[in-house]
N, C-alpha and C. Protein backbone atom coordinates (compact mmCIF):
# COMPACT_ATOMS: atom_id res chain seq x y z
N MET A 1 0.73 -1.26 -0.03
CA MET A 1 0.10 -0.04 -0.04
C MET A 1 0.85 1.29 -0.05
N ALA A 2 1.95 1.21 0.74
CA ALA A 2 2.85 2.36 0.79
C ALA A 2 3.41 2.75 -0.59
N ASN A 3 3.65 1.61 -1.42
CA ASN A 3 4.15 1.87 -2.74
C ASN A 3 3.28 2.57 -3.58
N ILE A 4 1.92 2.19 -3.42
CA ILE A 4 0.83 2.79 -4.18
C ILE A 4 0.84 4.40 -3.88
N GLU A 5 1.03 4.69 -2.77
CA GLU A 5 1.09 6.08 -2.12
C GLU A 5 2.09 6.85 -2.94
N LYS A 6 3.30 6.20 -2.82
CA LYS A 6 4.46 6.76 -3.54
C LYS A 6 4.40 7.03 -5.05
N LEU A 7 3.67 5.99 -5.62
CA LEU A 7 3.45 6.12 -7.03
C LEU A 7 2.33 7.17 -7.30
N LYS A 8 1.41 7.26 -6.42
CA LYS A 8 0.43 8.44 -6.62
C LYS A 8 0.90 9.73 -6.53
N GLN A 9 1.97 9.97 -5.58
CA GLN A 9 2.72 11.12 -5.48
C GLN A 9 3.64 11.41 -6.72
N TYR A 10 4.11 10.42 -7.22
CA TYR A 10 5.07 10.48 -8.43
C TYR A 10 4.08 10.96 -9.60
N ASN A 11 2.78 10.39 -9.78
CA ASN A 11 1.96 10.84 -10.72
C ASN A 11 1.52 12.34 -10.54
N LEU A 12 1.30 12.77 -9.33
CA LEU A 12 0.95 14.12 -9.02
C LEU A 12 2.15 14.94 -9.40
N ILE A 13 3.32 14.61 -9.23
CA ILE A 13 4.51 15.48 -9.61
C ILE A 13 4.64 15.60 -11.05
N THR A 14 4.29 14.54 -11.80
CA THR A 14 4.34 14.58 -13.33
C THR A 14 3.19 15.35 -13.94
N TYR A 15 2.01 15.42 -13.16
CA TYR A 15 0.98 16.18 -13.59
C TYR A 15 1.30 17.67 -13.45
N ILE A 16 2.03 18.10 -12.21
CA ILE A 16 2.36 19.44 -12.09
C ILE A 16 3.52 19.83 -12.93
N LEU A 17 4.35 18.87 -13.36
CA LEU A 17 5.51 19.32 -14.38
C LEU A 17 4.75 19.58 -15.73
N TYR A 18 3.72 18.77 -16.01
CA TYR A 18 3.11 19.02 -17.40
C TYR A 18 2.36 20.50 -17.39
N ILE A 19 1.74 20.80 -16.18
CA ILE A 19 0.90 22.09 -16.00
C ILE A 19 2.11 23.19 -16.13
N LEU A 20 3.32 23.00 -15.33
CA LEU A 20 4.28 24.03 -15.62
C LEU A 20 4.88 24.34 -16.92
N GLY A 21 4.73 23.20 -17.66
CA GLY A 21 5.14 23.43 -19.11
C GLY A 21 4.46 24.69 -19.82
N PHE A 22 3.31 25.07 -19.44
CA PHE A 22 2.67 26.18 -19.96
C PHE A 22 3.61 27.56 -19.78
N PHE A 23 4.44 27.39 -18.65
CA PHE A 23 5.14 28.57 -18.28
C PHE A 23 6.60 28.34 -18.42
N VAL A 24 7.20 27.20 -18.28
CA VAL A 24 8.56 26.66 -18.35
C VAL A 24 8.48 25.61 -19.44
N GLY A 25 8.92 25.85 -20.56
CA GLY A 25 8.87 24.91 -21.64
C GLY A 25 9.41 23.56 -21.52
N LEU A 26 10.38 23.39 -20.64
CA LEU A 26 11.09 22.11 -20.56
C LEU A 26 10.49 21.06 -19.61
N THR A 27 9.72 21.49 -18.67
CA THR A 27 9.23 20.58 -17.71
C THR A 27 8.41 19.46 -18.23
N PRO A 28 7.82 19.55 -19.35
CA PRO A 28 6.99 18.29 -19.88
C PRO A 28 8.06 17.23 -20.40
N ILE A 29 9.18 17.55 -20.78
CA ILE A 29 10.15 16.65 -21.26
C ILE A 29 10.68 15.91 -19.90
N VAL A 30 10.91 16.51 -18.80
CA VAL A 30 11.20 15.81 -17.73
C VAL A 30 9.98 14.89 -17.22
N ALA A 31 8.87 15.39 -17.28
CA ALA A 31 7.70 14.52 -16.94
C ALA A 31 7.55 13.29 -17.76
N ILE A 32 7.71 13.38 -19.17
CA ILE A 32 7.50 12.35 -19.95
C ILE A 32 8.68 11.35 -19.76
N ILE A 33 9.80 11.61 -19.55
CA ILE A 33 10.86 10.82 -19.02
C ILE A 33 10.58 10.14 -17.77
N MET A 34 10.11 10.87 -16.84
CA MET A 34 9.57 10.26 -15.61
C MET A 34 8.54 9.25 -15.79
N ASN A 35 7.56 9.44 -16.76
CA ASN A 35 6.42 8.56 -17.01
C ASN A 35 6.97 7.20 -17.57
N TYR A 36 7.96 7.44 -18.45
CA TYR A 36 8.57 6.21 -19.05
C TYR A 36 9.29 5.25 -18.03
N LEU A 37 10.02 6.03 -17.14
CA LEU A 37 10.81 5.34 -16.13
C LEU A 37 10.09 4.62 -15.04
N LYS A 38 8.88 5.05 -14.71
CA LYS A 38 8.11 4.32 -13.67
C LYS A 38 6.91 3.54 -14.28
N ARG A 39 6.95 3.45 -15.70
CA ARG A 39 5.76 2.84 -16.26
C ARG A 39 5.56 1.21 -15.89
N ASN A 40 6.73 0.55 -15.85
CA ASN A 40 6.45 -0.86 -15.48
C ASN A 40 6.24 -1.02 -14.05
N GLU A 41 6.63 -0.09 -13.14
CA GLU A 41 6.31 -0.20 -11.75
C GLU A 41 4.83 0.02 -11.57
N MET A 42 4.17 0.84 -12.37
CA MET A 42 2.86 1.00 -12.13
C MET A 42 1.99 0.11 -12.87
N ARG A 43 2.39 -0.75 -13.69
CA ARG A 43 1.61 -1.76 -14.45
C ARG A 43 0.92 -2.61 -13.48
N GLY A 44 -0.26 -2.82 -13.82
CA GLY A 44 -1.14 -3.69 -13.02
C GLY A 44 -1.90 -2.87 -11.93
N THR A 45 -1.64 -1.62 -11.64
CA THR A 45 -2.27 -0.78 -10.56
C THR A 45 -3.19 0.16 -11.44
N TRP A 46 -4.05 0.88 -10.59
CA TRP A 46 -4.98 1.96 -11.21
C TRP A 46 -4.21 2.93 -11.64
N LEU A 47 -2.89 3.05 -11.11
CA LEU A 47 -2.08 4.31 -11.59
C LEU A 47 -1.52 4.16 -12.93
N GLU A 48 -1.50 2.88 -13.51
CA GLU A 48 -1.01 2.67 -14.79
C GLU A 48 -1.88 3.52 -15.75
N SER A 49 -3.15 3.64 -15.56
CA SER A 49 -3.96 4.38 -16.52
C SER A 49 -3.67 5.90 -16.45
N HIS A 50 -3.14 6.40 -15.36
CA HIS A 50 -2.75 7.76 -15.35
C HIS A 50 -1.38 7.91 -16.07
N SER A 51 -0.56 7.03 -15.94
CA SER A 51 0.73 7.08 -16.66
C SER A 51 0.59 7.05 -18.18
N ASP A 52 -0.43 6.13 -18.72
CA ASP A 52 -0.75 6.07 -20.05
C ASP A 52 -1.42 7.37 -20.48
N TRP A 53 -2.27 7.91 -19.62
CA TRP A 53 -2.97 9.09 -20.03
C TRP A 53 -2.11 10.22 -20.23
N GLN A 54 -1.19 10.24 -19.25
CA GLN A 54 -0.15 11.40 -19.46
C GLN A 54 0.72 11.28 -20.70
N ILE A 55 1.14 10.01 -20.98
CA ILE A 55 2.06 9.82 -21.98
C ILE A 55 1.36 10.18 -23.35
N ARG A 56 0.01 9.80 -23.46
CA ARG A 56 -0.74 10.07 -24.70
C ARG A 56 -1.00 11.32 -24.81
N THR A 57 -1.24 12.19 -23.66
CA THR A 57 -1.40 13.58 -23.67
C THR A 57 -0.42 14.45 -24.17
N PHE A 58 0.88 13.99 -23.86
CA PHE A 58 2.11 14.62 -24.13
C PHE A 58 2.24 14.49 -25.68
N TRP A 59 2.21 13.28 -26.12
CA TRP A 59 2.58 13.02 -27.54
C TRP A 59 1.48 13.76 -28.44
N VAL A 60 0.23 13.58 -28.24
CA VAL A 60 -0.74 14.20 -29.12
C VAL A 60 -0.76 15.69 -28.95
N SER A 61 -0.47 16.31 -27.76
CA SER A 61 -0.30 17.78 -27.62
C SER A 61 0.87 18.20 -28.54
N LEU A 62 1.96 17.44 -28.34
CA LEU A 62 3.25 17.91 -29.16
C LEU A 62 2.96 17.96 -30.47
N ILE A 63 2.38 16.76 -31.05
CA ILE A 63 1.98 16.82 -32.53
C ILE A 63 1.09 17.98 -32.91
N GLY A 64 0.15 18.01 -32.04
CA GLY A 64 -0.92 19.24 -32.36
C GLY A 64 -0.31 20.60 -32.35
N TYR A 65 0.54 20.80 -31.39
CA TYR A 65 1.27 22.01 -31.33
C TYR A 65 2.20 22.35 -32.42
N LEU A 66 2.86 21.20 -32.99
CA LEU A 66 3.76 21.44 -34.00
C LEU A 66 3.06 21.59 -35.36
N ILE A 67 1.97 20.86 -35.47
CA ILE A 67 1.13 21.17 -36.69
C ILE A 67 0.54 22.51 -36.71
N GLY A 68 -0.03 22.97 -35.64
CA GLY A 68 -0.65 24.30 -35.48
C GLY A 68 0.39 25.41 -35.83
N GLY A 69 1.68 25.11 -35.13
CA GLY A 69 2.67 26.06 -35.37
C GLY A 69 3.14 26.19 -36.78
N LEU A 70 3.16 25.11 -37.62
CA LEU A 70 3.64 25.11 -38.98
C LEU A 70 2.63 25.78 -39.64
N LEU A 71 1.17 25.63 -39.40
CA LEU A 71 0.20 26.23 -40.04
C LEU A 71 -0.21 27.60 -39.77
N THR A 72 0.44 28.31 -38.86
CA THR A 72 0.03 29.57 -38.49
C THR A 72 0.41 30.49 -39.65
N THR A 73 1.21 30.19 -40.57
CA THR A 73 1.48 30.96 -41.80
C THR A 73 0.24 31.14 -42.71
N ILE A 74 -0.67 30.24 -42.55
CA ILE A 74 -1.91 30.26 -43.41
C ILE A 74 -3.05 30.51 -42.42
N LEU A 75 -2.87 31.05 -41.27
CA LEU A 75 -3.69 31.35 -40.17
C LEU A 75 -4.52 30.39 -39.62
N ILE A 76 -4.85 29.18 -40.22
CA ILE A 76 -5.60 27.99 -39.65
C ILE A 76 -4.96 27.44 -38.48
N GLY A 77 -3.59 27.64 -38.45
CA GLY A 77 -2.72 27.23 -37.24
C GLY A 77 -3.12 27.75 -35.98
N PHE A 78 -3.63 28.97 -36.02
CA PHE A 78 -3.92 29.65 -34.79
C PHE A 78 -5.15 28.97 -34.14
N GLY A 79 -6.15 28.50 -34.96
CA GLY A 79 -7.26 27.85 -34.44
C GLY A 79 -6.95 26.41 -34.01
N ILE A 80 -5.97 25.81 -34.73
CA ILE A 80 -5.54 24.47 -34.37
C ILE A 80 -4.82 24.59 -32.86
N LEU A 81 -4.02 25.66 -32.70
CA LEU A 81 -3.10 25.87 -31.49
C LEU A 81 -4.14 26.12 -30.37
N PHE A 82 -5.16 26.81 -30.65
CA PHE A 82 -6.15 27.11 -29.50
C PHE A 82 -6.90 25.80 -29.10
N VAL A 83 -7.39 25.09 -30.14
CA VAL A 83 -8.13 23.74 -29.89
C VAL A 83 -7.11 22.73 -29.10
N VAL A 84 -5.90 22.60 -29.40
CA VAL A 84 -4.83 21.74 -28.84
C VAL A 84 -4.72 22.31 -27.34
N PHE A 85 -4.65 23.65 -27.12
CA PHE A 85 -4.46 24.15 -25.89
C PHE A 85 -5.55 23.81 -24.85
N ILE A 86 -6.74 24.08 -25.33
CA ILE A 86 -8.01 23.60 -24.57
C ILE A 86 -8.00 22.25 -24.24
N TRP A 87 -7.89 21.46 -25.17
CA TRP A 87 -7.78 19.91 -25.08
C TRP A 87 -6.71 19.51 -24.09
N HIS A 88 -5.66 20.17 -24.23
CA HIS A 88 -4.33 19.88 -23.19
C HIS A 88 -4.77 20.18 -21.91
N ILE A 89 -5.40 21.40 -21.53
CA ILE A 89 -5.67 21.69 -20.27
C ILE A 89 -6.91 20.71 -19.74
N TYR A 90 -7.92 20.43 -20.57
CA TYR A 90 -8.90 19.57 -20.17
C TYR A 90 -8.29 18.18 -19.75
N ARG A 91 -7.28 17.59 -20.46
CA ARG A 91 -6.74 16.30 -20.12
C ARG A 91 -6.01 16.36 -18.82
N LEU A 92 -5.36 17.36 -18.60
CA LEU A 92 -4.47 17.53 -17.32
C LEU A 92 -5.47 17.61 -16.17
N ALA A 93 -6.58 18.55 -16.31
CA ALA A 93 -7.53 18.83 -15.34
C ALA A 93 -8.39 17.46 -15.01
N LYS A 94 -8.75 16.69 -15.97
CA LYS A 94 -9.57 15.53 -15.79
C LYS A 94 -8.65 14.53 -15.19
N GLY A 95 -7.51 14.33 -15.57
CA GLY A 95 -6.46 13.33 -14.95
C GLY A 95 -6.24 13.68 -13.48
N LEU A 96 -5.87 15.10 -13.18
CA LEU A 96 -5.63 15.30 -11.69
C LEU A 96 -6.85 15.18 -10.99
N MET A 97 -8.20 15.40 -11.30
CA MET A 97 -9.27 15.14 -10.54
C MET A 97 -9.39 13.62 -10.29
N ALA A 98 -9.25 12.89 -11.21
CA ALA A 98 -9.29 11.36 -11.09
C ALA A 98 -8.22 10.83 -10.12
N LEU A 99 -7.07 11.33 -10.17
CA LEU A 99 -5.96 10.96 -9.36
C LEU A 99 -6.44 11.41 -7.85
N ASN A 100 -6.76 12.62 -7.67
CA ASN A 100 -7.18 13.02 -6.39
C ASN A 100 -8.28 12.29 -5.84
N ASN A 101 -9.04 11.70 -6.48
CA ASN A 101 -10.35 10.73 -6.23
C ASN A 101 -9.81 9.29 -6.11
N ASN A 102 -8.61 8.99 -6.37
CA ASN A 102 -8.01 7.63 -6.26
C ASN A 102 -8.69 6.84 -7.32
N GLU A 103 -9.13 7.40 -8.48
CA GLU A 103 -9.73 6.61 -9.52
C GLU A 103 -8.86 6.60 -10.66
N PRO A 104 -8.95 5.33 -11.43
CA PRO A 104 -8.35 5.10 -12.79
C PRO A 104 -8.79 6.07 -13.67
N ILE A 105 -8.17 6.28 -14.85
CA ILE A 105 -8.73 7.02 -15.91
C ILE A 105 -8.65 6.27 -17.21
N ASN A 106 -9.75 6.43 -18.03
CA ASN A 106 -9.67 5.78 -19.35
C ASN A 106 -8.60 6.39 -20.20
N PRO A 107 -7.51 5.76 -20.56
CA PRO A 107 -6.34 6.39 -21.24
C PRO A 107 -6.67 6.59 -22.66
N VAL A 108 -7.70 6.64 -23.19
CA VAL A 108 -7.97 6.97 -24.61
C VAL A 108 -8.07 8.40 -24.88
């Protein structure tokens, strides 16, 4: 049980690092590395879903921000960046709420 609490704290730290990424650009890189380092340790627990959720959020957001950034020259990119930003915030908020309630999250 103590290990689950440590892993929950670990997940909380990675969520915070992802949120800090809106202000300090490199913290999501640290968080994704942390996710991959502890992924096997979380396997089989309800926290595995949070690790998968964070990993998927990172990669989809990164791709979305890159595509949006490239397309800003034809203006549609600004809309894409806005949608990705809102989706990114939603994913982090939903994950944090589920973690706070000790609930798994559907990693899709």
